[in-house]
Amino acid sequence: MKPNITSLSTNLTEPSLLNFPTSTFESCRLRFRKFVHGDSSFVLKLVNSQNWLHYIGDKGIYKQQQAIEFIDNINHSHLVNGFGHWLVEEKTSQRPIGLCGLSKRPQLNHPDIGFSLLPEFTGTGLGYEMVSTCYSYAVSHLQIPIIQAVVFDYNIPCIRLLQKLGMQFQSTLKLSSEETVELFQ
């Protein structure tokens, strides 16, 4: 099922990101945009939320400066790889609800899609809208023909979402000595 990307924009005004290679894009209810330092409070809330800690893990981001460094790393990925993660917000309220995007992992041959949604937005259909829109944008606008995803085997909601997107289990993969995940493509 291909989502409807309703608009694209390249209005980039923050001086440090004038060469940012990606656009803002939207779905019916969501807007995807670059992260800015002003999003650091939202980042702190997201990365310390129950869902993030359970399904992704504690990344040691507890202070404003650490959240800003996290944002800088996300934006650096866009500059180096031509893709990264976007902040996802409701179009009508402009309230941030999560992040979604692509990562380049040394253990994978292709970019992998990842996302996180604040707990209060789970079960609303926004997770699927977010991931399917990002996936479609990556394929159609970034010209990335193969996208992978890694997920812990206990993250059943994410596995179901990836399957709904049409991705299939490929193998079990060791990301590190402590982390074994399932690979979808």
C-alpha atoms as a PDB file:
ATOM      1  CA  MET A   1       0.000   0.000   0.000  1.00  0.00           C
ATOM      2  CA  LYS A   2       1.622   3.231  -1.165  1.00  0.00           C
ATOM      3  CA  PRO A   3       0.914   6.253   1.043  1.00  0.00           C
ATOM      4  CA  ASN A   4       0.082   9.617  -0.419  1.00  0.00           C
ATOM      5  CA  ILE A   5       2.893  12.097   0.030  1.00  0.00           C
ATOM      6  CA  THR A   6       0.942  15.334  -0.137  1.00  0.00           C
ATOM      7  CA  SER A   7       3.740  17.862  -0.490  1.00  0.00           C
ATOM      8  CA  LEU A   8       7.459  18.432  -0.596  1.00  0.00           C
ATOM      9  CA  SER A   9       9.330  21.550   0.429  1.00  0.00           C
ATOM     10  CA  THR A  10      12.940  22.639   0.511  1.00  0.00           C
ATOM     11  CA  ASN A  11      12.509  25.725   2.688  1.00  0.00           C
ATOM     12  CA  LEU A  12      15.586  25.563   4.880  1.00  0.00           C
ATOM     13  CA  THR A  13      16.219  28.605   7.020  1.00  0.00           C
ATOM     14  CA  GLU A  14      18.536  27.538   9.860  1.00  0.00           C
ATOM     15  CA  PRO A  15      22.021  28.785   8.816  1.00  0.00           C
ATOM     16  CA  SER A  16      23.848  25.691  10.070  1.00  0.00           C
ATOM     17  CA  LEU A  17      21.713  23.496   7.804  1.00  0.00           C
ATOM     18  CA  LEU A  18      21.625  25.518   4.577  1.00  0.00           C
ATOM     19  CA  ASN A  19      23.201  22.595   2.708  1.00  0.00           C
ATOM     20  CA  PHE A  20      20.845  20.047   4.282  1.00  0.00           C
ATOM     21  CA  PRO A  21      20.126  17.678   1.365  1.00  0.00           C
ATOM     22  CA  THR A  22      16.625  16.537   2.301  1.00  0.00           C
ATOM     23  CA  SER A  23      13.202  18.061   1.979  1.00  0.00           C
ATOM     24  CA  THR A  24      10.275  18.450   4.279  1.00  0.00           C
ATOM     25  CA  PHE A  25       7.488  16.108   3.257  1.00  0.00           C
ATOM     26  CA  GLU A  26       3.974  15.347   4.414  1.00  0.00           C
ATOM     27  CA  SER A  27       1.290  12.704   4.519  1.00  0.00           C
ATOM     28  CA  CYS A  28      -2.398  13.320   5.168  1.00  0.00           C
ATOM     29  CA  ARG A  29      -1.945  13.940   8.905  1.00  0.00           C
ATOM     30  CA  LEU A  30       1.822  14.215   9.396  1.00  0.00           C
ATOM     31  CA  ARG A  31       4.740  16.475   8.502  1.00  0.00           C
ATOM     32  CA  PHE A  32       8.331  15.225   8.380  1.00  0.00           C
ATOM     33  CA  ARG A  33      10.997  17.866   8.937  1.00  0.00           C
ATOM     34  CA  LYS A  34      14.594  18.250   9.960  1.00  0.00           C
ATOM     35  CA  PHE A  35      15.447  18.398  13.645  1.00  0.00           C
ATOM     36  CA  VAL A  36      16.634  21.714  15.066  1.00  0.00           C
ATOM     37  CA  HIS A  37      18.225  22.415  18.441  1.00  0.00           C
ATOM     38  CA  GLY A  38      14.899  23.793  19.653  1.00  0.00           C
ATOM     39  CA  ASP A  39      13.557  20.216  19.502  1.00  0.00           C
ATOM     40  CA  SER A  40      15.858  19.092  22.334  1.00  0.00           C
ATOM     41  CA  SER A  41      13.076  19.009  24.976  1.00  0.00           C
ATOM     42  CA  PHE A  42      11.010  16.776  22.714  1.00  0.00           C
ATOM     43  CA  VAL A  43      14.036  14.515  22.151  1.00  0.00           C
ATOM     44  CA  LEU A  44      14.497  14.160  25.918  1.00  0.00           C
ATOM     45  CA  LYS A  45      10.843  13.184  26.288  1.00  0.00           C
ATOM     46  CA  LEU A  46      10.952  10.689  23.406  1.00  0.00           C
ATOM     47  CA  VAL A  47      14.224   8.887  24.199  1.00  0.00           C
ATOM     48  CA  ASN A  48      13.242   8.509  27.841  1.00  0.00           C
ATOM     49  CA  SER A  49       9.691   7.335  27.119  1.00  0.00           C
ATOM     50  CA  GLN A  50       8.584   3.861  28.165  1.00  0.00           C
ATOM     51  CA  ASN A  51       8.349   2.651  24.529  1.00  0.00           C
ATOM     52  CA  TRP A  52      11.819   3.894  23.574  1.00  0.00           C
ATOM     53  CA  LEU A  53      13.463   2.399  26.649  1.00  0.00           C
ATOM     54  CA  HIS A  54      11.704  -0.956  26.192  1.00  0.00           C
ATOM     55  CA  TYR A  55      12.036  -1.390  22.416  1.00  0.00           C
ATOM     56  CA  ILE A  56      15.200   0.591  21.590  1.00  0.00           C
ATOM     57  CA  GLY A  57      17.110   0.919  24.848  1.00  0.00           C
ATOM     58  CA  ASP A  58      18.594   3.532  27.121  1.00  0.00           C
ATOM     59  CA  LYS A  59      20.900   5.744  25.049  1.00  0.00           C
ATOM     60  CA  GLY A  60      22.123   7.777  28.028  1.00  0.00           C
ATOM     61  CA  ILE A  61      20.453  11.004  26.920  1.00  0.00           C
ATOM     62  CA  TYR A  62      19.296  12.752  30.105  1.00  0.00           C
ATOM     63  CA  LYS A  63      20.343  16.385  29.698  1.00  0.00           C
ATOM     64  CA  GLN A  64      19.561  19.152  27.219  1.00  0.00           C
ATOM     65  CA  GLN A  65      23.127  19.209  25.860  1.00  0.00           C
ATOM     66  CA  GLN A  66      23.029  15.450  25.232  1.00  0.00           C
ATOM     67  CA  ALA A  67      19.757  15.895  23.327  1.00  0.00           C
ATOM     68  CA  ILE A  68      21.366  18.626  21.205  1.00  0.00           C
ATOM     69  CA  GLU A  69      24.287  16.294  20.427  1.00  0.00           C
ATOM     70  CA  PHE A  70      21.759  13.600  19.437  1.00  0.00           C
ATOM     71  CA  ILE A  71      20.126  16.119  17.060  1.00  0.00           C
ATOM     72  CA  ASP A  72      23.530  17.058  15.621  1.00  0.00           C
ATOM     73  CA  ASN A  73      24.254  13.358  14.960  1.00  0.00           C
ATOM     74  CA  ILE A  74      20.914  12.947  13.176  1.00  0.00           C
ATOM     75  CA  ASN A  75      21.584  15.995  11.017  1.00  0.00           C
ATOM     76  CA  HIS A  76      25.137  14.844  10.327  1.00  0.00           C
ATOM     77  CA  SER A  77      23.724  11.603   8.900  1.00  0.00           C
ATOM     78  CA  HIS A  78      21.628  13.619   6.440  1.00  0.00           C
ATOM     79  CA  LEU A  79      24.688  15.562   5.326  1.00  0.00           C
ATOM     80  CA  VAL A  80      26.970  12.519   4.995  1.00  0.00           C
ATOM     81  CA  ASN A  81      24.543   9.858   3.730  1.00  0.00           C
ATOM     82  CA  GLY A  82      21.812  11.917   2.081  1.00  0.00           C
ATOM     83  CA  PHE A  83      19.317  10.457   4.539  1.00  0.00           C
ATOM     84  CA  GLY A  84      18.701  10.201   8.259  1.00  0.00           C
ATOM     85  CA  HIS A  85      15.811  10.623  10.683  1.00  0.00           C
ATOM     86  CA  TRP A  86      13.155  13.305  10.596  1.00  0.00           C
ATOM     87  CA  LEU A  87      11.071  14.739  13.368  1.00  0.00           C
ATOM     88  CA  VAL A  88       7.448  13.787  12.742  1.00  0.00           C
ATOM     89  CA  GLU A  89       4.721  16.182  13.826  1.00  0.00           C
ATOM     90  CA  GLU A  90       0.964  16.456  13.468  1.00  0.00           C
ATOM     91  CA  LYS A  91       0.255  18.810  10.596  1.00  0.00           C
ATOM     92  CA  THR A  92      -2.643  20.605  12.220  1.00  0.00           C
ATOM     93  CA  SER A  93      -1.172  21.195  15.684  1.00  0.00           C
ATOM     94  CA  GLN A  94       2.544  21.034  14.728  1.00  0.00           C
ATOM     95  CA  ARG A  95       2.969  18.913  17.870  1.00  0.00           C
ATOM     96  CA  PRO A  96       5.949  16.517  17.628  1.00  0.00           C
ATOM     97  CA  ILE A  97       4.829  12.896  17.973  1.00  0.00           C
ATOM     98  CA  GLY A  98       7.915  10.881  17.049  1.00  0.00           C
ATOM     99  CA  LEU A  99      10.830  10.360  14.730  1.00  0.00           C
ATOM    100  CA  CYS A 100      11.234   8.229  11.654  1.00  0.00           C
ATOM    101  CA  GLY A 101      13.959   7.755   9.094  1.00  0.00           C
ATOM    102  CA  LEU A 102      16.844   5.790   7.726  1.00  0.00           C
ATOM    103  CA  SER A 103      20.152   4.729   9.239  1.00  0.00           C
ATOM    104  CA  LYS A 104      23.336   3.427   7.677  1.00  0.00           C
ATOM    105  CA  ARG A 105      24.620   0.546   9.787  1.00  0.00           C
ATOM    106  CA  PRO A 106      27.960  -1.109   9.046  1.00  0.00           C
ATOM    107  CA  GLN A 107      26.377  -4.559   9.590  1.00  0.00           C
ATOM    108  CA  LEU A 108      23.794  -4.037   6.823  1.00  0.00           C
ATOM    109  CA  ASN A 109      24.084  -3.788   3.052  1.00  0.00           C
ATOM    110  CA  HIS A 110      21.200  -1.327   2.755  1.00  0.00           C
ATOM    111  CA  PRO A 111      19.735   1.548   4.790  1.00  0.00           C
ATOM    112  CA  ASP A 112      17.388   0.490   7.557  1.00  0.00           C
ATOM    113  CA  ILE A 113      14.202   2.229   8.545  1.00  0.00           C
ATOM    114  CA  GLY A 114      13.550   3.017  12.173  1.00  0.00           C
ATOM    115  CA  PHE A 115      10.957   4.924  14.115  1.00  0.00           C
ATOM    116  CA  SER A 116       9.648   5.782  17.533  1.00  0.00           C
ATOM    117  CA  LEU A 117       6.336   7.248  18.576  1.00  0.00           C
ATOM    118  CA  LEU A 118       5.367   8.842  21.881  1.00  0.00           C
ATOM    119  CA  PRO A 119       3.245   6.342  23.856  1.00  0.00           C
ATOM    120  CA  GLU A 120       0.104   8.478  23.727  1.00  0.00           C
ATOM    121  CA  PHE A 121       0.019   8.135  19.920  1.00  0.00           C
ATOM    122  CA  THR A 122       0.291   4.344  19.726  1.00  0.00           C
ATOM    123  CA  GLY A 123      -2.778   2.518  18.472  1.00  0.00           C
ATOM    124  CA  THR A 124      -3.968   5.508  16.421  1.00  0.00           C
ATOM    125  CA  GLY A 125      -2.719   4.422  13.004  1.00  0.00           C
ATOM    126  CA  LEU A 126      -0.115   7.192  13.040  1.00  0.00           C
ATOM    127  CA  GLY A 127       2.765   4.707  13.408  1.00  0.00           C
ATOM    128  CA  TYR A 128       1.857   2.970  10.155  1.00  0.00           C
ATOM    129  CA  GLU A 129       1.211   6.290   8.401  1.00  0.00           C
ATOM    130  CA  MET A 130       4.589   7.540   9.603  1.00  0.00           C
ATOM    131  CA  VAL A 131       6.603   4.482   8.545  1.00  0.00           C
ATOM    132  CA  SER A 132       4.817   3.911   5.231  1.00  0.00           C
ATOM    133  CA  THR A 133       5.215   7.572   4.251  1.00  0.00           C
ATOM    134  CA  CYS A 134       8.918   7.545   5.098  1.00  0.00           C
ATOM    135  CA  TYR A 135       9.400   4.257   3.234  1.00  0.00           C
ATOM    136  CA  SER A 136       7.633   5.629   0.162  1.00  0.00           C
ATOM    137  CA  TYR A 137       9.662   8.851   0.300  1.00  0.00           C
ATOM    138  CA  ALA A 138      12.918   6.884   0.523  1.00  0.00           C
ATOM    139  CA  VAL A 139      12.047   4.742  -2.495  1.00  0.00           C
ATOM    140  CA  SER A 140      10.475   7.390  -4.730  1.00  0.00           C
ATOM    141  CA  HIS A 141      12.411  10.568  -3.869  1.00  0.00           C
ATOM    142  CA  LEU A 142      15.717   9.358  -2.476  1.00  0.00           C
ATOM    143  CA  GLN A 143      15.903   6.517  -5.020  1.00  0.00           C
ATOM    144  CA  ILE A 144      16.738   3.861  -2.404  1.00  0.00           C
ATOM    145  CA  PRO A 145      15.466   0.590  -3.918  1.00  0.00           C
ATOM    146  CA  ILE A 146      16.083  -1.719  -0.950  1.00  0.00           C
ATOM    147  CA  ILE A 147      15.257  -0.830   2.644  1.00  0.00           C
ATOM    148  CA  GLN A 148      15.841  -3.063   5.625  1.00  0.00           C
ATOM    149  CA  ALA A 149      14.713  -2.945   9.250  1.00  0.00           C
ATOM    150  CA  VAL A 150      16.104  -4.427  12.432  1.00  0.00           C
ATOM    151  CA  VAL A 151      13.880  -5.221  15.387  1.00  0.00           C
ATOM    152  CA  PHE A 152      14.084  -7.123  18.659  1.00  0.00           C
ATOM    153  CA  ASP A 153      12.044 -10.337  18.488  1.00  0.00           C
ATOM    154  CA  TYR A 154       9.860  -9.217  21.408  1.00  0.00           C
ATOM    155  CA  ASN A 155       8.760  -6.027  19.614  1.00  0.00           C
ATOM    156  CA  ILE A 156       5.611  -7.611  18.182  1.00  0.00           C
ATOM    157  CA  PRO A 157       3.877  -4.283  17.346  1.00  0.00           C
ATOM    158  CA  CYS A 158       6.844  -3.229  15.197  1.00  0.00           C
ATOM    159  CA  ILE A 159       7.090  -6.633  13.518  1.00  0.00           C
ATOM    160  CA  ARG A 160       3.396  -6.466  12.613  1.00  0.00           C
ATOM    161  CA  LEU A 161       3.832  -2.952  11.256  1.00  0.00           C
ATOM    162  CA  LEU A 162       6.795  -4.015   9.099  1.00  0.00           C
ATOM    163  CA  GLN A 163       4.814  -7.002   7.800  1.00  0.00           C
ATOM    164  CA  LYS A 164       1.862  -4.729   6.989  1.00  0.00           C
ATOM    165  CA  LEU A 165       4.310  -2.595   5.025  1.00  0.00           C
ATOM    166  CA  GLY A 166       5.225  -5.716   3.021  1.00  0.00           C
ATOM    167  CA  MET A 167       8.604  -6.355   4.599  1.00  0.00           C
ATOM    168  CA  GLN A 168       9.530  -9.967   5.324  1.00  0.00           C
ATOM    169  CA  PHE A 169      11.776 -11.641   7.885  1.00  0.00           C
ATOM    170  CA  GLN A 170      15.210 -12.375   6.377  1.00  0.00           C
ATOM    171  CA  SER A 171      17.425 -13.622   9.185  1.00  0.00           C
ATOM    172  CA  THR A 172      18.641 -13.164  12.725  1.00  0.00           C
ATOM    173  CA  LEU A 173      21.549 -10.737  12.987  1.00  0.00           C
ATOM    174  CA  LYS A 174      24.052  -9.914  15.711  1.00  0.00           C
ATOM    175  CA  LEU A 175      24.497  -6.127  15.887  1.00  0.00           C
ATOM    176  CA  SER A 176      26.931  -6.421  18.784  1.00  0.00           C
ATOM    177  CA  SER A 177      27.971  -8.971  21.366  1.00  0.00           C
ATOM    178  CA  GLU A 178      24.893  -8.007  23.410  1.00  0.00           C
ATOM    179  CA  GLU A 179      22.299  -7.349  20.688  1.00  0.00           C
ATOM    180  CA  THR A 180      20.661  -9.925  18.456  1.00  0.00           C
ATOM    181  CA  VAL A 181      17.853  -8.656  16.242  1.00  0.00           C
ATOM    182  CA  GLU A 182      15.597  -9.840  13.466  1.00  0.00           C
ATOM    183  CA  LEU A 183      16.313  -8.465   9.998  1.00  0.00           C
ATOM    184  CA  PHE A 184      13.416  -7.558   7.716  1.00  0.00           C
ATOM    185  CA  GLN A 185      13.496  -6.477   4.079  1.00  0.00           C
END
